[in-house]
């Protein structure tokens, strides 16, 4: 996984990004350190630097479509789609999309879940970036990537603000041939 220091502005280091992410211990269950990016979104300068960094990496990948994962991934993907002038597909939690959908089940750090995407031709033949706030076990990311492939994507990449480096997500995406990018790494002791 490429970590984003190359793309960060001089005023916004990896440590500055990390300092704008709140950690909530033992949530949603004991033993989980929840990395809350809503505090980063509240800092306009930090949020702008994050988007500029993600845009820089995305431009290198020659993408032509974005897919944002429910819900924090929507915030990032919406800003990226606007900046890059690309279409955006939403990957939602089960039961939230009104039209015909495709679904994928996956395992989280703390349970099971299902995501869905509209059965759309927007993805067919496209180079798609799936984006979310963080990469942990890889379950959500791989489920979204499978959905993009089922919709006919030519290539799928993945980007996030955070990589939880002690969890297997990064390795699983690498083994699946996915180019990945994160702006910072967290370990459990932080």
C-alpha atoms as a PDB file:
ATOM      1  CA  UNK A   1       0.000   0.000   0.000  1.00  0.00           C
ATOM      2  CA  UNK A   2       1.260   3.390  -0.863  1.00  0.00           C
ATOM      3  CA  UNK A   3       0.962   5.853   1.995  1.00  0.00           C
ATOM      4  CA  UNK A   4       0.161   9.377   0.951  1.00  0.00           C
ATOM      5  CA  UNK A   5       3.047  11.510   2.176  1.00  0.00           C
ATOM      6  CA  UNK A   6       4.159  12.091  -1.425  1.00  0.00           C
ATOM      7  CA  UNK A   7       0.841  13.731  -2.193  1.00  0.00           C
ATOM      8  CA  UNK A   8       0.461  15.772   0.992  1.00  0.00           C
ATOM      9  CA  UNK A   9       1.041  19.504   0.988  1.00  0.00           C
ATOM     10  CA  UNK A  10       3.963  20.652   3.108  1.00  0.00           C
ATOM     11  CA  UNK A  11       1.524  22.137   5.635  1.00  0.00           C
ATOM     12  CA  UNK A  12      -0.390  18.862   6.065  1.00  0.00           C
ATOM     13  CA  UNK A  13       1.785  15.997   7.239  1.00  0.00           C
ATOM     14  CA  UNK A  14       0.609  12.476   8.023  1.00  0.00           C
ATOM     15  CA  UNK A  15       0.845  13.366  11.719  1.00  0.00           C
ATOM     16  CA  UNK A  16      -1.315  16.463  11.170  1.00  0.00           C
ATOM     17  CA  UNK A  17      -3.988  14.307   9.522  1.00  0.00           C
ATOM     18  CA  UNK A  18      -3.798  11.756  12.340  1.00  0.00           C
ATOM     19  CA  UNK A  19      -4.111  14.500  14.951  1.00  0.00           C
ATOM     20  CA  UNK A  20      -7.462  15.462  13.385  1.00  0.00           C
ATOM     21  CA  UNK A  21      -8.868  11.925  13.710  1.00  0.00           C
ATOM     22  CA  UNK A  22     -10.552  11.120  17.007  1.00  0.00           C
ATOM     23  CA  UNK A  23     -10.078   7.648  18.516  1.00  0.00           C
ATOM     24  CA  UNK A  24     -12.993   6.237  20.476  1.00  0.00           C
ATOM     25  CA  UNK A  25     -11.866   3.257  22.538  1.00  0.00           C
ATOM     26  CA  UNK A  26     -14.049   0.167  22.943  1.00  0.00           C
ATOM     27  CA  UNK A  27     -16.649   1.235  20.380  1.00  0.00           C
ATOM     28  CA  UNK A  28     -18.845  -0.258  18.962  1.00  0.00           C
ATOM     29  CA  UNK A  29     -17.706  -3.125  21.201  1.00  0.00           C
ATOM     30  CA  UNK A  30     -14.869  -3.783  23.672  1.00  0.00           C
ATOM     31  CA  UNK A  31     -11.468  -4.138  22.049  1.00  0.00           C
ATOM     32  CA  UNK A  32     -12.268  -1.973  18.995  1.00  0.00           C
ATOM     33  CA  UNK A  33     -10.533   1.385  18.588  1.00  0.00           C
ATOM     34  CA  UNK A  34     -12.918   3.337  16.353  1.00  0.00           C
ATOM     35  CA  UNK A  35     -11.110   5.927  14.197  1.00  0.00           C
ATOM     36  CA  UNK A  36     -13.594   8.754  13.787  1.00  0.00           C
ATOM     37  CA  UNK A  37     -12.919  10.924  10.721  1.00  0.00           C
ATOM     38  CA  UNK A  38     -15.865  13.233  11.409  1.00  0.00           C
ATOM     39  CA  UNK A  39     -13.466  15.414  13.411  1.00  0.00           C
ATOM     40  CA  UNK A  40     -11.237  15.649  10.322  1.00  0.00           C
ATOM     41  CA  UNK A  41     -14.262  16.699   8.236  1.00  0.00           C
ATOM     42  CA  UNK A  42     -14.916  19.474  10.772  1.00  0.00           C
ATOM     43  CA  UNK A  43     -11.468  21.004  10.089  1.00  0.00           C
ATOM     44  CA  UNK A  44     -11.906  22.704   6.700  1.00  0.00           C
ATOM     45  CA  UNK A  45      -8.160  23.103   6.046  1.00  0.00           C
ATOM     46  CA  UNK A  46      -7.406  19.486   6.894  1.00  0.00           C
ATOM     47  CA  UNK A  47     -10.373  18.195   4.874  1.00  0.00           C
ATOM     48  CA  UNK A  48      -9.321  20.286   1.863  1.00  0.00           C
ATOM     49  CA  UNK A  49      -5.733  18.958   2.111  1.00  0.00           C
ATOM     50  CA  UNK A  50      -7.023  15.367   2.327  1.00  0.00           C
ATOM     51  CA  UNK A  51      -9.168  15.830  -0.778  1.00  0.00           C
ATOM     52  CA  UNK A  52      -6.299  17.469  -2.683  1.00  0.00           C
ATOM     53  CA  UNK A  53      -4.044  14.551  -1.758  1.00  0.00           C
ATOM     54  CA  UNK A  54      -6.593  11.955  -2.846  1.00  0.00           C
ATOM     55  CA  UNK A  55      -7.198  13.867  -6.092  1.00  0.00           C
ATOM     56  CA  UNK A  56      -3.428  13.844  -6.795  1.00  0.00           C
ATOM     57  CA  UNK A  57      -3.234  10.088  -6.402  1.00  0.00           C
ATOM     58  CA  UNK A  58      -6.451   9.490  -8.373  1.00  0.00           C
ATOM     59  CA  UNK A  59      -5.179  11.537 -11.316  1.00  0.00           C
ATOM     60  CA  UNK A  60      -2.112   9.276 -11.508  1.00  0.00           C
ATOM     61  CA  UNK A  61      -4.393   6.223 -11.781  1.00  0.00           C
ATOM     62  CA  UNK A  62      -6.262   7.481 -14.897  1.00  0.00           C
ATOM     63  CA  UNK A  63      -9.689   6.722 -13.445  1.00  0.00           C
ATOM     64  CA  UNK A  64     -13.038   7.398 -15.048  1.00  0.00           C
ATOM     65  CA  UNK A  65     -15.539   6.492 -12.293  1.00  0.00           C
ATOM     66  CA  UNK A  66     -15.789   6.584  -8.494  1.00  0.00           C
ATOM     67  CA  UNK A  67     -17.666   4.417  -5.999  1.00  0.00           C
ATOM     68  CA  UNK A  68     -18.176   5.670  -2.441  1.00  0.00           C
ATOM     69  CA  UNK A  69     -18.887   3.289   0.433  1.00  0.00           C
ATOM     70  CA  UNK A  70     -21.686   4.128   2.900  1.00  0.00           C
ATOM     71  CA  UNK A  71     -21.429   6.474   4.759  1.00  0.00           C
ATOM     72  CA  UNK A  72     -18.145   8.337   5.345  1.00  0.00           C
ATOM     73  CA  UNK A  73     -16.900   7.162   1.951  1.00  0.00           C
ATOM     74  CA  UNK A  74     -19.763   9.185   0.437  1.00  0.00           C
ATOM     75  CA  UNK A  75     -18.306  12.413   1.816  1.00  0.00           C
ATOM     76  CA  UNK A  76     -14.894  11.677   0.304  1.00  0.00           C
ATOM     77  CA  UNK A  77     -16.189  10.282  -2.981  1.00  0.00           C
ATOM     78  CA  UNK A  78     -18.561  13.200  -3.511  1.00  0.00           C
ATOM     79  CA  UNK A  79     -15.771  15.732  -3.123  1.00  0.00           C
ATOM     80  CA  UNK A  80     -13.462  13.680  -5.369  1.00  0.00           C
ATOM     81  CA  UNK A  81     -16.130  13.220  -8.054  1.00  0.00           C
ATOM     82  CA  UNK A  82     -16.672  16.968  -8.097  1.00  0.00           C
ATOM     83  CA  UNK A  83     -12.943  17.789  -8.282  1.00  0.00           C
ATOM     84  CA  UNK A  84     -12.209  15.138 -10.938  1.00  0.00           C
ATOM     85  CA  UNK A  85     -15.416  15.639 -12.946  1.00  0.00           C
ATOM     86  CA  UNK A  86     -16.235  11.918 -12.747  1.00  0.00           C
ATOM     87  CA  UNK A  87     -19.473   9.968 -12.218  1.00  0.00           C
ATOM     88  CA  UNK A  88     -20.154   8.592  -8.756  1.00  0.00           C
ATOM     89  CA  UNK A  89     -21.844   5.324  -7.800  1.00  0.00           C
ATOM     90  CA  UNK A  90     -23.015   4.764  -4.218  1.00  0.00           C
ATOM     91  CA  UNK A  91     -22.314   1.519  -2.363  1.00  0.00           C
ATOM     92  CA  UNK A  92     -24.982   1.362   0.352  1.00  0.00           C
ATOM     93  CA  UNK A  93     -25.927  -0.738   3.326  1.00  0.00           C
ATOM     94  CA  UNK A  94     -28.563  -3.340   2.498  1.00  0.00           C
ATOM     95  CA  UNK A  95     -32.073  -2.028   1.925  1.00  0.00           C
ATOM     96  CA  UNK A  96     -31.180   1.631   1.269  1.00  0.00           C
ATOM     97  CA  UNK A  97     -31.303   1.720  -2.557  1.00  0.00           C
ATOM     98  CA  UNK A  98     -34.700   2.005  -4.287  1.00  0.00           C
ATOM     99  CA  UNK A  99     -34.036   0.321  -7.657  1.00  0.00           C
ATOM    100  CA  UNK A 100     -32.744  -3.122  -8.682  1.00  0.00           C
ATOM    101  CA  UNK A 101     -29.532  -3.940  -6.817  1.00  0.00           C
ATOM    102  CA  UNK A 102     -26.644  -6.367  -6.622  1.00  0.00           C
ATOM    103  CA  UNK A 103     -25.525  -7.334  -3.126  1.00  0.00           C
ATOM    104  CA  UNK A 104     -22.423  -8.772  -1.416  1.00  0.00           C
ATOM    105  CA  UNK A 105     -22.099 -10.178   2.086  1.00  0.00           C
ATOM    106  CA  UNK A 106     -18.900  -9.637   4.068  1.00  0.00           C
ATOM    107  CA  UNK A 107     -17.343  -9.893   7.515  1.00  0.00           C
ATOM    108  CA  UNK A 108     -16.425  -6.861   9.635  1.00  0.00           C
ATOM    109  CA  UNK A 109     -14.100  -6.666  12.624  1.00  0.00           C
ATOM    110  CA  UNK A 110     -17.227  -6.897  14.747  1.00  0.00           C
ATOM    111  CA  UNK A 111     -19.857  -8.817  12.749  1.00  0.00           C
ATOM    112  CA  UNK A 112     -21.474  -9.599   9.406  1.00  0.00           C
ATOM    113  CA  UNK A 113     -23.027  -7.168   6.926  1.00  0.00           C
ATOM    114  CA  UNK A 114     -24.299  -6.748   3.375  1.00  0.00           C
ATOM    115  CA  UNK A 115     -23.739  -3.912   0.921  1.00  0.00           C
ATOM    116  CA  UNK A 116     -25.569  -3.173  -2.300  1.00  0.00           C
ATOM    117  CA  UNK A 117     -25.178  -1.127  -5.461  1.00  0.00           C
ATOM    118  CA  UNK A 118     -27.723  -0.240  -8.110  1.00  0.00           C
ATOM    119  CA  UNK A 119     -27.541  -2.568 -11.101  1.00  0.00           C
ATOM    120  CA  UNK A 120     -26.136   0.126 -13.394  1.00  0.00           C
ATOM    121  CA  UNK A 121     -24.238   0.281 -16.684  1.00  0.00           C
ATOM    122  CA  UNK A 122     -22.188   3.226 -15.353  1.00  0.00           C
ATOM    123  CA  UNK A 123     -19.388   0.881 -14.196  1.00  0.00           C
ATOM    124  CA  UNK A 124     -19.112  -1.339 -17.295  1.00  0.00           C
ATOM    125  CA  UNK A 125     -15.678  -0.975 -18.917  1.00  0.00           C
ATOM    126  CA  UNK A 126     -14.573   1.725 -16.461  1.00  0.00           C
ATOM    127  CA  UNK A 127     -11.477   2.201 -14.306  1.00  0.00           C
ATOM    128  CA  UNK A 128     -13.110   2.610 -10.902  1.00  0.00           C
ATOM    129  CA  UNK A 129     -11.814   3.967  -7.610  1.00  0.00           C
ATOM    130  CA  UNK A 130     -13.616   2.590  -4.566  1.00  0.00           C
ATOM    131  CA  UNK A 131     -13.198   4.967  -1.638  1.00  0.00           C
ATOM    132  CA  UNK A 132     -13.907   4.728   2.075  1.00  0.00           C
ATOM    133  CA  UNK A 133     -12.651   6.395   5.233  1.00  0.00           C
ATOM    134  CA  UNK A 134     -10.480   3.456   6.333  1.00  0.00           C
ATOM    135  CA  UNK A 135      -9.163   0.032   5.486  1.00  0.00           C
ATOM    136  CA  UNK A 136      -9.269  -2.503   8.343  1.00  0.00           C
ATOM    137  CA  UNK A 137     -10.010  -6.186   7.758  1.00  0.00           C
ATOM    138  CA  UNK A 138     -10.719  -5.573   4.077  1.00  0.00           C
ATOM    139  CA  UNK A 139     -14.222  -7.033   4.229  1.00  0.00           C
ATOM    140  CA  UNK A 140     -16.138  -3.951   3.133  1.00  0.00           C
ATOM    141  CA  UNK A 141     -13.520  -2.954   0.556  1.00  0.00           C
ATOM    142  CA  UNK A 142     -13.391  -6.418  -1.025  1.00  0.00           C
ATOM    143  CA  UNK A 143     -17.191  -6.664  -1.101  1.00  0.00           C
ATOM    144  CA  UNK A 144     -17.385  -3.293  -2.901  1.00  0.00           C
ATOM    145  CA  UNK A 145     -14.616  -4.366  -5.303  1.00  0.00           C
ATOM    146  CA  UNK A 146     -16.514  -7.606  -6.069  1.00  0.00           C
ATOM    147  CA  UNK A 147     -19.620  -5.539  -6.809  1.00  0.00           C
ATOM    148  CA  UNK A 148     -17.665  -3.305  -9.211  1.00  0.00           C
ATOM    149  CA  UNK A 149     -16.283  -6.374 -10.987  1.00  0.00           C
ATOM    150  CA  UNK A 150     -19.749  -7.913 -11.232  1.00  0.00           C
ATOM    151  CA  UNK A 151     -20.896  -4.668 -12.879  1.00  0.00           C
ATOM    152  CA  UNK A 152     -18.126  -5.036 -15.479  1.00  0.00           C
ATOM    153  CA  UNK A 153     -15.381  -2.689 -14.245  1.00  0.00           C
ATOM    154  CA  UNK A 154     -12.199  -2.868 -16.319  1.00  0.00           C
ATOM    155  CA  UNK A 155     -10.034  -2.143 -13.266  1.00  0.00           C
ATOM    156  CA  UNK A 156     -10.735  -1.349  -9.618  1.00  0.00           C
ATOM    157  CA  UNK A 157      -8.469   0.561  -7.221  1.00  0.00           C
ATOM    158  CA  UNK A 158      -9.049   1.428  -3.564  1.00  0.00           C
ATOM    159  CA  UNK A 159      -8.238   4.537  -1.509  1.00  0.00           C
ATOM    160  CA  UNK A 160      -8.875   5.607   2.083  1.00  0.00           C
ATOM    161  CA  UNK A 161      -7.725   8.167   4.601  1.00  0.00           C
ATOM    162  CA  UNK A 162      -6.640   5.504   7.121  1.00  0.00           C
ATOM    163  CA  UNK A 163      -4.987   2.101   6.897  1.00  0.00           C
ATOM    164  CA  UNK A 164      -5.204   0.079  10.115  1.00  0.00           C
ATOM    165  CA  UNK A 165      -1.778  -1.474   9.618  1.00  0.00           C
ATOM    166  CA  UNK A 166      -2.123  -4.343  12.103  1.00  0.00           C
ATOM    167  CA  UNK A 167      -5.253  -5.705  10.419  1.00  0.00           C
ATOM    168  CA  UNK A 168      -5.191  -7.819   7.230  1.00  0.00           C
ATOM    169  CA  UNK A 169      -7.052  -5.521   4.818  1.00  0.00           C
ATOM    170  CA  UNK A 170      -3.992  -4.140   3.083  1.00  0.00           C
ATOM    171  CA  UNK A 171      -2.549  -7.615   2.490  1.00  0.00           C
ATOM    172  CA  UNK A 172      -5.871  -9.031   1.262  1.00  0.00           C
ATOM    173  CA  UNK A 173      -6.314  -6.246  -1.293  1.00  0.00           C
ATOM    174  CA  UNK A 174      -2.690  -6.633  -2.388  1.00  0.00           C
ATOM    175  CA  UNK A 175      -3.206 -10.387  -2.871  1.00  0.00           C
ATOM    176  CA  UNK A 176      -6.266  -9.598  -5.015  1.00  0.00           C
ATOM    177  CA  UNK A 177      -4.162  -7.319  -7.251  1.00  0.00           C
ATOM    178  CA  UNK A 178      -5.790  -4.074  -6.072  1.00  0.00           C
ATOM    179  CA  UNK A 179      -3.746  -0.869  -6.162  1.00  0.00           C
ATOM    180  CA  UNK A 180      -4.361   0.787  -2.799  1.00  0.00           C
ATOM    181  CA  UNK A 181      -3.620   4.139  -1.259  1.00  0.00           C
ATOM    182  CA  UNK A 182      -4.004   5.589   2.250  1.00  0.00           C
ATOM    183  CA  UNK A 183      -2.999   8.935   3.684  1.00  0.00           C
ATOM    184  CA  UNK A 184      -1.997   7.564   7.085  1.00  0.00           C
ATOM    185  CA  UNK A 185      -1.460   4.375   9.076  1.00  0.00           C
ATOM    186  CA  UNK A 186      -2.718   3.689  12.583  1.00  0.00           C
ATOM    187  CA  UNK A 187      -1.724   0.826  14.859  1.00  0.00           C
ATOM    188  CA  UNK A 188      -3.615  -0.388  17.915  1.00  0.00           C
ATOM    189  CA  UNK A 189      -1.330   1.389  20.391  1.00  0.00           C
ATOM    190  CA  UNK A 190      -2.188   4.824  18.994  1.00  0.00           C
END
